[in-house]
Amino acid sequence: MAQHRQLQRDALLEAARALLVEGGMEALTFPNLAQRTGLARSSVYEYFRSRAAVVAELSAVDFPAWAAEIAAAVAAAGTPAARVEAYVRVQLALAGAPRHRAVAAISVGELDDEARERIRAAHGQLVDLVVTALADLGHREPGLAAVLIQGIVESAVKRLELGAAEDPTVVVDSAVALVLHGVVPTEPAGD
């Protein structure tokens, strides 16, 4: 019985991810979840009391998996600069994955304070991944720099999600160059 409930819960979360990717929070409704999973609408309420509860569960499940991928890439990089680059590149590579797109579609305003705080704490742990690399590079304010780098990553993610005019590779490479070299071009500009 417990295994069956877990399978149903997993199916509901997978359906929620798909709905969020396809239509954002507006698409995440209990009737839509019921339709996607073949459950009765009343059965969905046996697993989750509200949309916010579905969102909180998705965040609790998906964010740690996403962060673990980033942590593994950062740990595998050889130099401090390579760790910073891996931090940026892997986040931007994961930005197109359904798990990330679903979490990005979540309206934090619909979450209760506890869920919002869990998401903030998870983001803080993500930023902590790059602080040591920045300290190893000799940065005077590695914590501040890490938060600013995360801002660049989040802006690049938004640019990628919008389907901006630039090739996605250009967005990723530009974000990495900005993080590693600032606004000073690494190559001379053509005349």
Protein backbone atom coordinates (compact mmCIF):
# COMPACT_ATOMS: atom_id res chain seq x y z
CA MET A 1 0.00 0.00 0.00
CA ALA A 2 2.77 2.45 0.91
CA GLN A 3 4.57 1.71 -2.37
CA HIS A 4 1.36 2.36 -4.33
CA ARG A 5 0.90 5.73 -2.57
CA GLN A 6 4.49 6.68 -3.35
CA LEU A 7 4.03 5.77 -7.01
CA GLN A 8 0.85 7.88 -7.16
CA ARG A 9 2.61 10.78 -5.45
CA ASP A 10 5.51 10.53 -7.91
CA ALA A 11 3.05 10.48 -10.83
CA LEU A 12 1.36 13.60 -9.46
CA LEU A 13 4.70 15.38 -9.15
CA GLU A 14 5.68 14.40 -12.69
CA ALA A 15 2.33 15.68 -13.96
CA ALA A 16 2.83 18.90 -11.98
CA ARG A 17 6.26 19.41 -13.58
CA ALA A 18 4.80 18.96 -17.05
CA LEU A 19 1.91 21.33 -16.35
CA LEU A 20 4.26 24.00 -14.97
CA VAL A 21 6.52 23.73 -18.00
CA GLU A 22 3.60 23.88 -20.42
CA GLY A 23 1.53 26.62 -18.84
CA GLY A 24 3.04 27.95 -15.63
CA MET A 25 1.13 28.21 -12.38
CA GLU A 26 -2.17 28.77 -14.21
CA ALA A 27 -1.96 25.24 -15.64
CA LEU A 28 -1.24 23.65 -12.26
CA THR A 29 -4.76 22.83 -11.13
CA PHE A 30 -6.13 19.81 -9.35
CA PRO A 31 -8.48 18.97 -12.24
CA ASN A 32 -5.48 19.04 -14.61
CA LEU A 33 -3.43 16.90 -12.22
CA ALA A 34 -6.30 14.41 -11.97
CA GLN A 35 -6.67 14.27 -15.74
CA ARG A 36 -2.92 13.75 -16.31
CA THR A 37 -2.66 10.96 -13.77
CA GLY A 38 -6.04 9.27 -14.24
CA LEU A 39 -6.95 9.89 -10.61
CA ALA A 40 -10.22 11.31 -9.39
CA ARG A 41 -9.92 14.97 -8.45
CA SER A 42 -10.82 14.13 -4.86
CA SER A 43 -7.92 11.65 -4.80
CA VAL A 44 -5.45 14.43 -5.62
CA TYR A 45 -6.51 16.12 -2.38
CA GLU A 46 -5.51 12.98 -0.48
CA TYR A 47 -1.90 13.68 -1.50
CA PHE A 48 -1.77 17.49 -1.47
CA ARG A 49 -3.98 20.00 0.31
CA SER A 50 -3.28 22.86 -2.13
CA ARG A 51 -1.31 23.97 -5.19
CA ALA A 52 1.18 25.54 -2.81
CA ALA A 53 1.72 22.11 -1.21
CA VAL A 54 2.43 20.61 -4.64
CA VAL A 55 4.89 23.41 -5.38
CA ALA A 56 6.58 23.03 -1.99
CA GLU A 57 6.99 19.28 -2.58
CA LEU A 58 8.40 19.86 -6.07
CA SER A 59 10.92 22.30 -4.65
CA ALA A 60 11.85 19.91 -1.86
CA VAL A 61 12.41 17.06 -4.33
CA ASP A 62 13.83 18.82 -7.39
CA PHE A 63 16.06 21.55 -6.02
CA PRO A 64 18.40 19.20 -4.10
CA ALA A 65 18.81 16.97 -7.17
CA TRP A 66 19.61 20.00 -9.30
CA ALA A 67 22.03 21.38 -6.69
CA ALA A 68 23.78 17.99 -6.46
CA GLU A 69 24.52 18.07 -10.20
CA ILE A 70 26.00 21.54 -9.87
CA ALA A 71 28.03 20.54 -6.80
CA ALA A 72 29.44 17.50 -8.61
CA ALA A 73 30.52 19.60 -11.59
CA VAL A 74 32.12 22.23 -9.35
CA ALA A 75 33.96 19.56 -7.34
CA ALA A 76 35.26 17.90 -10.51
CA ALA A 77 36.78 21.11 -11.89
CA GLY A 78 40.52 21.40 -11.37
CA THR A 79 41.24 25.06 -10.67
CA PRO A 80 39.33 27.75 -8.80
CA ALA A 81 38.54 29.55 -12.08
CA ALA A 82 37.35 26.26 -13.60
CA ARG A 83 35.10 25.71 -10.55
CA VAL A 84 33.52 29.14 -11.06
CA GLU A 85 33.06 28.42 -14.76
CA ALA A 86 31.50 25.02 -14.03
CA TYR A 87 29.13 26.66 -11.53
CA VAL A 88 27.85 29.00 -14.24
CA ARG A 89 27.83 26.57 -17.17
CA VAL A 90 26.08 23.72 -15.38
CA GLN A 91 23.33 25.96 -14.03
CA LEU A 92 22.72 27.34 -17.51
CA ALA A 93 22.78 23.84 -19.03
CA LEU A 94 20.23 22.66 -16.46
CA ALA A 95 18.02 25.68 -17.08
CA GLY A 96 16.39 23.94 -20.03
CA ALA A 97 15.69 20.73 -18.14
CA PRO A 98 12.05 20.10 -17.17
CA ARG A 99 12.89 19.96 -13.45
CA HIS A 100 14.41 23.43 -13.53
CA ARG A 101 11.78 24.90 -15.82
CA ALA A 102 9.09 23.62 -13.48
CA VAL A 103 10.75 25.10 -10.41
CA ALA A 104 11.33 28.38 -12.28
CA ALA A 105 7.64 28.55 -13.18
CA ILE A 106 6.65 28.48 -9.54
CA SER A 107 5.16 31.62 -8.11
CA VAL A 108 6.90 32.11 -4.79
CA GLY A 109 3.99 34.35 -3.77
CA GLU A 110 1.73 31.28 -3.52
CA LEU A 111 3.99 29.52 -1.06
CA ASP A 112 3.68 29.71 2.69
CA ASP A 113 6.50 31.29 4.69
CA GLU A 114 8.05 27.93 5.56
CA ALA A 115 8.24 26.85 1.91
CA ARG A 116 9.67 30.22 0.86
CA GLU A 117 12.31 29.95 3.57
CA ARG A 118 13.27 26.42 2.44
CA ILE A 119 13.72 27.69 -1.12
CA ARG A 120 15.81 30.65 0.08
CA ALA A 121 18.00 28.31 2.15
CA ALA A 122 18.47 25.99 -0.82
CA HIS A 123 19.50 28.93 -3.01
CA GLY A 124 21.94 29.98 -0.30
CA GLN A 125 23.53 26.54 -0.33
CA LEU A 126 23.84 26.78 -4.10
CA VAL A 127 25.66 30.12 -3.86
CA ASP A 128 27.94 28.65 -1.17
CA LEU A 129 29.30 26.24 -3.80
CA VAL A 130 31.24 29.03 -5.48
CA VAL A 131 32.35 31.03 -2.41
CA THR A 132 35.38 28.80 -1.73
CA ALA A 133 36.52 29.02 -5.34
CA LEU A 134 36.28 32.81 -5.22
CA ALA A 135 38.25 32.88 -1.95
CA ASP A 136 40.86 30.62 -3.54
CA LEU A 137 41.11 33.13 -6.39
CA GLY A 138 41.91 35.80 -3.79
CA HIS A 139 38.62 37.69 -3.99
CA ARG A 140 38.28 40.10 -1.06
CA GLU A 141 34.51 39.61 -0.74
CA PRO A 142 33.82 36.07 -1.95
CA GLY A 143 30.33 35.90 -0.42
CA LEU A 144 29.23 39.11 -2.10
CA ALA A 145 30.84 38.11 -5.38
CA ALA A 146 29.04 34.74 -5.27
CA VAL A 147 25.66 36.45 -4.84
CA LEU A 148 26.44 38.80 -7.74
CA ILE A 149 27.51 35.87 -9.92
CA GLN A 150 24.24 34.15 -9.12
CA GLY A 151 22.47 37.30 -10.30
CA ILE A 152 24.27 37.01 -13.64
CA VAL A 153 23.30 33.34 -13.87
CA GLU A 154 19.65 34.14 -13.12
CA SER A 155 19.63 36.88 -15.77
CA ALA A 156 21.13 34.51 -18.32
CA VAL A 157 18.52 31.87 -17.41
CA LYS A 158 15.76 34.40 -18.04
CA ARG A 159 17.34 35.30 -21.36
CA LEU A 160 17.45 31.63 -22.35
CA GLU A 161 13.85 31.06 -21.22
CA LEU A 162 12.65 34.00 -23.28
CA GLY A 163 14.17 32.47 -26.39
CA ALA A 164 16.22 35.61 -26.94
CA ALA A 165 17.56 36.47 -30.38
CA GLU A 166 21.04 35.27 -29.45
CA ASP A 167 22.08 31.69 -29.93
CA PRO A 168 21.91 29.96 -26.50
CA THR A 169 25.63 29.17 -26.74
CA VAL A 170 26.34 32.90 -27.06
CA VAL A 171 24.25 33.64 -23.95
CA VAL A 172 26.10 30.96 -21.94
CA ASP A 173 29.56 31.97 -23.19
CA SER A 174 28.82 35.66 -22.55
CA ALA A 175 27.66 34.93 -19.01
CA VAL A 176 30.82 32.90 -18.32
CA ALA A 177 33.04 35.63 -19.80
CA LEU A 178 31.30 38.30 -17.74
CA VAL A 179 31.72 36.28 -14.54
CA LEU A 180 35.36 35.41 -15.18
CA HIS A 181 36.58 38.62 -16.81
CA GLY A 182 34.08 41.35 -15.97
CA VAL A 183 33.27 43.89 -18.65
CA VAL A 184 36.81 44.01 -20.02
CA PRO A 185 36.84 42.04 -23.27
CA THR A 186 39.20 39.06 -23.33
CA GLU A 187 39.83 39.61 -27.05
CA PRO A 188 40.38 42.92 -28.82
CA ALA A 189 37.19 44.19 -30.42
CA GLY A 190 37.22 44.33 -34.21
CA ASP A 191 37.49 47.74 -35.84
